[in-house]
PDB file of N, CA and C in Angstrom:
ATOM      1  N   MET A   1     109.211 106.516 103.563  1.00  0.00           N
ATOM      2  CA  MET A   1     108.821 105.977 104.328  1.00  0.00           C
ATOM      3  C   MET A   1     109.667 106.209 106.101  1.00  0.00           C
ATOM      4  N   LYS A   2     108.928 105.907 106.933  1.00  0.00           N
ATOM      5  CA  LYS A   2     109.118 105.725 107.717  1.00  0.00           C
ATOM      6  C   LYS A   2     110.697 104.522 108.289  1.00  0.00           C
ATOM      7  N   GLU A   3     111.444 105.013 109.217  1.00  0.00           N
ATOM      8  CA  GLU A   3     112.939 104.482 109.076  1.00  0.00           C
ATOM      9  C   GLU A   3     112.268 103.599 110.396  1.00  0.00           C
ATOM     10  N   GLY A   4     112.625 102.228 110.206  1.00  0.00           N
ATOM     11  CA  GLY A   4     112.073 100.762 110.888  1.00  0.00           C
ATOM     12  C   GLY A   4     111.084 100.224 110.217  1.00  0.00           C
ATOM     13  N   THR A   5     110.610 100.721 109.266  1.00  0.00           N
ATOM     14  CA  THR A   5     109.606 100.083 108.097  1.00  0.00           C
ATOM     15  C   THR A   5     110.108  98.682 107.364  1.00  0.00           C
ATOM     16  N   THR A   6     108.860  97.899 108.038  1.00  0.00           N
ATOM     17  CA  THR A   6     109.556  97.188 106.807  1.00  0.00           C
ATOM     18  C   THR A   6     109.020  96.814 105.919  1.00  0.00           C
ATOM     19  N   THR A   7     108.934  96.513 104.269  1.00  0.00           N
ATOM     20  CA  THR A   7     107.978  96.081 102.760  1.00  0.00           C
ATOM     21  C   THR A   7     107.704  95.173 102.433  1.00  0.00           C
ATOM     22  N   ILE A   8     106.658  94.475 102.429  1.00  0.00           N
ATOM     23  CA  ILE A   8     106.394  93.052 101.831  1.00  0.00           C
ATOM     24  C   ILE A   8     105.989  93.727 100.153  1.00  0.00           C
ATOM     25  N   PRO A   9     106.266  92.840  99.229  1.00  0.00           N
ATOM     26  CA  PRO A   9     105.548  93.021  98.605  1.00  0.00           C
ATOM     27  C   PRO A   9     104.500  92.368  98.422  1.00  0.00           C
ATOM     28  N   LEU A  10     103.488  92.143  97.468  1.00  0.00           N
ATOM     29  CA  LEU A  10     101.482  91.853  97.586  1.00  0.00           C
ATOM     30  C   LEU A  10     101.712  90.969  96.273  1.00  0.00           C
ATOM     31  N   GLU A  11     100.948  90.428  96.092  1.00  0.00           N
ATOM     32  CA  GLU A  11     100.474  88.743  95.402  1.00  0.00           C
ATOM     33  C   GLU A  11      99.421  90.000  94.377  1.00  0.00           C
ATOM     34  N   LEU A  12      99.162  90.281  92.677  1.00  0.00           N
ATOM     35  CA  LEU A  12      98.521  90.674  92.397  1.00  0.00           C
ATOM     36  C   LEU A  12      96.948  90.018  91.964  1.00  0.00           C
ATOM     37  N   ASP A  13      95.803  89.911  91.599  1.00  0.00           N
ATOM     38  CA  ASP A  13      95.315  88.825  91.178  1.00  0.00           C
ATOM     39  C   ASP A  13      94.402  89.532  89.641  1.00  0.00           C
ATOM     40  N   GLY A  14      93.978  88.965  89.212  1.00  0.00           N
ATOM     41  CA  GLY A  14      93.260  89.752  87.971  1.00  0.00           C
ATOM     42  C   GLY A  14      92.296  91.102  88.517  1.00  0.00           C
ATOM     43  N   LYS A  15      92.305  91.543  89.874  1.00  0.00           N
ATOM     44  CA  LYS A  15      91.241  93.167  89.727  1.00  0.00           C
ATOM     45  C   LYS A  15      92.458  93.279  91.011  1.00  0.00           C
ATOM     46  N   GLY A  16      93.551  93.449  90.333  1.00  0.00           N
ATOM     47  CA  GLY A  16      94.529  94.091  91.721  1.00  0.00           C
ATOM     48  C   GLY A  16      95.080  93.494  92.768  1.00  0.00           C
ATOM     49  N   ILE A  17      95.735  93.859  93.918  1.00  0.00           N
ATOM     50  CA  ILE A  17      95.924  93.428  95.328  1.00  0.00           C
ATOM     51  C   ILE A  17      95.312  92.259  95.998  1.00  0.00           C
ATOM     52  N   SER A  18      96.363  91.305  96.489  1.00  0.00           N
ATOM     53  CA  SER A  18      95.349  90.589  97.058  1.00  0.00           C
ATOM     54  C   SER A  18      94.830  90.510  98.267  1.00  0.00           C
ATOM     55  N   ILE A  19      93.847  90.525  98.696  1.00  0.00           N
ATOM     56  CA  ILE A  19      92.800  91.737  99.538  1.00  0.00           C
ATOM     57  C   ILE A  19      93.462  90.105 100.937  1.00  0.00           C
ATOM     58  N   ASN A  20      92.930  89.290 100.647  1.00  0.00           N
ATOM     59  CA  ASN A  20      93.418  88.866 101.429  1.00  0.00           C
ATOM     60  C   ASN A  20      94.608  88.018 101.770  1.00  0.00           C
ATOM     61  N   GLN A  21      96.438  88.408 101.001  1.00  0.00           N
ATOM     62  CA  GLN A  21      97.292  88.051 101.829  1.00  0.00           C
ATOM     63  C   GLN A  21      96.963  89.530 103.007  1.00  0.00           C
ATOM     64  N   ILE A  22      96.340  91.221 102.175  1.00  0.00           N
ATOM     65  CA  ILE A  22      96.802  92.315 103.153  1.00  0.00           C
ATOM     66  C   ILE A  22      95.787  92.016 105.104  1.00  0.00           C
ATOM     67  N   ASN A  23      94.548  90.634 104.205  1.00  0.00           N
ATOM     68  CA  ASN A  23      93.865  90.587 105.541  1.00  0.00           C
ATOM     69  C   ASN A  23      95.108  89.424 106.625  1.00  0.00           C
ATOM     70  N   ALA A  24      95.739  88.640 105.823  1.00  0.00           N
ATOM     71  CA  ALA A  24      96.847  87.646 106.494  1.00  0.00           C
ATOM     72  C   ALA A  24      97.730  88.525 107.007  1.00  0.00           C
ATOM     73  N   THR A  25      98.389  88.839 106.420  1.00  0.00           N
ATOM     74  CA  THR A  25      98.626  89.659 107.115  1.00  0.00           C
ATOM     75  C   THR A  25      99.346  91.322 108.605  1.00  0.00           C
ATOM     76  N   GLN A  26      98.229  91.473 107.893  1.00  0.00           N
ATOM     77  CA  GLN A  26      97.502  92.937 109.372  1.00  0.00           C
ATOM     78  C   GLN A  26      98.344  93.772 109.021  1.00  0.00           C
ATOM     79  N   PRO A  27      98.216  94.472 107.926  1.00  0.00           N
ATOM     80  CA  PRO A  27      99.717  94.933 108.113  1.00  0.00           C
ATOM     81  C   PRO A  27      98.985  97.171 108.968  1.00  0.00           C
ATOM     82  N   ASP A  28      99.989  97.329 109.570  1.00  0.00           N
ATOM     83  CA  ASP A  28     100.202  98.672 110.105  1.00  0.00           C
ATOM     84  C   ASP A  28      99.191 100.084 108.770  1.00  0.00           C
ATOM     85  N   ALA A  29      99.547  99.886 107.255  1.00  0.00           N
ATOM     86  CA  ALA A  29      99.307 100.415 106.708  1.00  0.00           C
ATOM     87  C   ALA A  29      99.220  99.962 105.629  1.00  0.00           C
ATOM     88  N   VAL A  30      98.693 100.395 104.835  1.00  0.00           N
ATOM     89  CA  VAL A  30      99.433  99.650 103.102  1.00  0.00           C
ATOM     90  C   VAL A  30      99.024 100.843 101.887  1.00  0.00           C
ATOM     91  N   ILE A  31      99.617 101.097 101.219  1.00  0.00           N
ATOM     92  CA  ILE A  31     100.215 102.378  99.812  1.00  0.00           C
ATOM     93  C   ILE A  31      99.584 101.730  98.468  1.00  0.00           C
ATOM     94  N   VAL A  32      98.657 101.922  98.181  1.00  0.00           N
ATOM     95  CA  VAL A  32      98.394 102.052  97.286  1.00  0.00           C
ATOM     96  C   VAL A  32      97.637 102.787  95.562  1.00  0.00           C
ATOM     97  N   THR A  33      98.234 101.691  94.448  1.00  0.00           N
ATOM     98  CA  THR A  33      97.720 102.837  93.419  1.00  0.00           C
ATOM     99  C   THR A  33      96.549 101.822  92.585  1.00  0.00           C
ATOM    100  N   PRO A  34      95.237 102.300  93.309  1.00  0.00           N
ATOM    101  CA  PRO A  34      94.634 102.071  93.019  1.00  0.00           C
ATOM    102  C   PRO A  34      93.525 101.754  91.509  1.00  0.00           C
ATOM    103  N   SER A  35      93.949 102.996  91.120  1.00  0.00           N
ATOM    104  CA  SER A  35      93.324 103.520  89.226  1.00  0.00           C
ATOM    105  C   SER A  35      94.128 102.805  88.496  1.00  0.00           C
ATOM    106  N   HIS A  36      95.406 102.798  88.726  1.00  0.00           N
ATOM    107  CA  HIS A  36      95.856 101.800  87.684  1.00  0.00           C
ATOM    108  C   HIS A  36      96.918 101.349  88.619  1.00  0.00           C
ATOM    109  N   GLN A  37      97.533 100.248  89.124  1.00  0.00           N
ATOM    110  CA  GLN A  37      98.823  99.253  88.980  1.00  0.00           C
ATOM    111  C   GLN A  37      99.911  98.987  87.846  1.00  0.00           C
ATOM    112  N   PHE A  38     101.370  99.517  88.634  1.00  0.00           N
ATOM    113  CA  PHE A  38     102.457  99.480  87.014  1.00  0.00           C
ATOM    114  C   PHE A  38     103.273  99.035  87.779  1.00  0.00           C
ATOM    115  N   PRO A  39     103.634  98.015  86.728  1.00  0.00           N
ATOM    116  CA  PRO A  39     103.594  97.958  85.277  1.00  0.00           C
ATOM    117  C   PRO A  39     102.664  97.438  84.683  1.00  0.00           C
ATOM    118  N   THR A  40     101.913  96.268  85.705  1.00  0.00           N
ATOM    119  CA  THR A  40     100.781  95.606  84.697  1.00  0.00           C
ATOM    120  C   THR A  40      99.178  95.990  84.248  1.00  0.00           C
ATOM    121  N   GLY A  41      99.323  97.967  84.491  1.00  0.00           N
ATOM    122  CA  GLY A  41      98.605  98.214  84.393  1.00  0.00           C
ATOM    123  C   GLY A  41      96.600  97.850  84.707  1.00  0.00           C
ATOM    124  N   ILE A  42      96.243  96.526  85.867  1.00  0.00           N
ATOM    125  CA  ILE A  42      95.876  95.918  86.089  1.00  0.00           C
ATOM    126  C   ILE A  42      94.743  97.354  87.186  1.00  0.00           C
ATOM    127  N   ILE A  43      93.529  97.788  86.704  1.00  0.00           N
ATOM    128  CA  ILE A  43      92.704  99.239  87.324  1.00  0.00           C
ATOM    129  C   ILE A  43      91.656  97.883  88.478  1.00  0.00           C
ATOM    130  N   MET A  44      92.042  97.940  89.264  1.00  0.00           N
ATOM    131  CA  MET A  44      90.925  98.085  90.810  1.00  0.00           C
ATOM    132  C   MET A  44      89.653  97.875  91.002  1.00  0.00           C
ATOM    133  N   PRO A  45      89.081  97.111  90.371  1.00  0.00           N
ATOM    134  CA  PRO A  45      87.123  97.627  90.339  1.00  0.00           C
ATOM    135  C   PRO A  45      87.352  98.201  91.698  1.00  0.00           C
ATOM    136  N   VAL A  46      85.632  99.533  91.362  1.00  0.00           N
ATOM    137  CA  VAL A  46      85.327 100.367  92.362  1.00  0.00           C
ATOM    138  C   VAL A  46      84.830  99.575  93.764  1.00  0.00           C
ATOM    139  N   SER A  47      84.098  98.069  93.499  1.00  0.00           N
ATOM    140  CA  SER A  47      83.254  96.989  94.187  1.00  0.00           C
ATOM    141  C   SER A  47      84.867  97.007  95.439  1.00  0.00           C
ATOM    142  N   GLU A  48      86.606  96.307  94.896  1.00  0.00           N
ATOM    143  CA  GLU A  48      87.105  96.326  95.659  1.00  0.00           C
ATOM    144  C   GLU A  48      87.811  97.410  96.338  1.00  0.00           C
ATOM    145  N   LYS A  49      87.303  98.640  95.582  1.00  0.00           N
ATOM    146  CA  LYS A  49      87.921  99.803  96.463  1.00  0.00           C
ATOM    147  C   LYS A  49      87.483 100.744  98.213  1.00  0.00           C
ATOM    148  N   ASN A  50      86.528  99.377  98.050  1.00  0.00           N
ATOM    149  CA  ASN A  50      85.475 100.102  99.948  1.00  0.00           C
ATOM    150  C   ASN A  50      85.895  99.196 100.458  1.00  0.00           C
TER     151      ASN A  50
END
């Protein structure tokens, strides 16, 4: 992570991370693991990855 970077936790819903929360915070970047969220095991549907 770049120095000065601020990280924030994102809420999870039944499909993975909350897209609404990402849109509300307008981040410069988002780092996700959409194929397997650890430790919950939630997998983001293909339709949500686009």
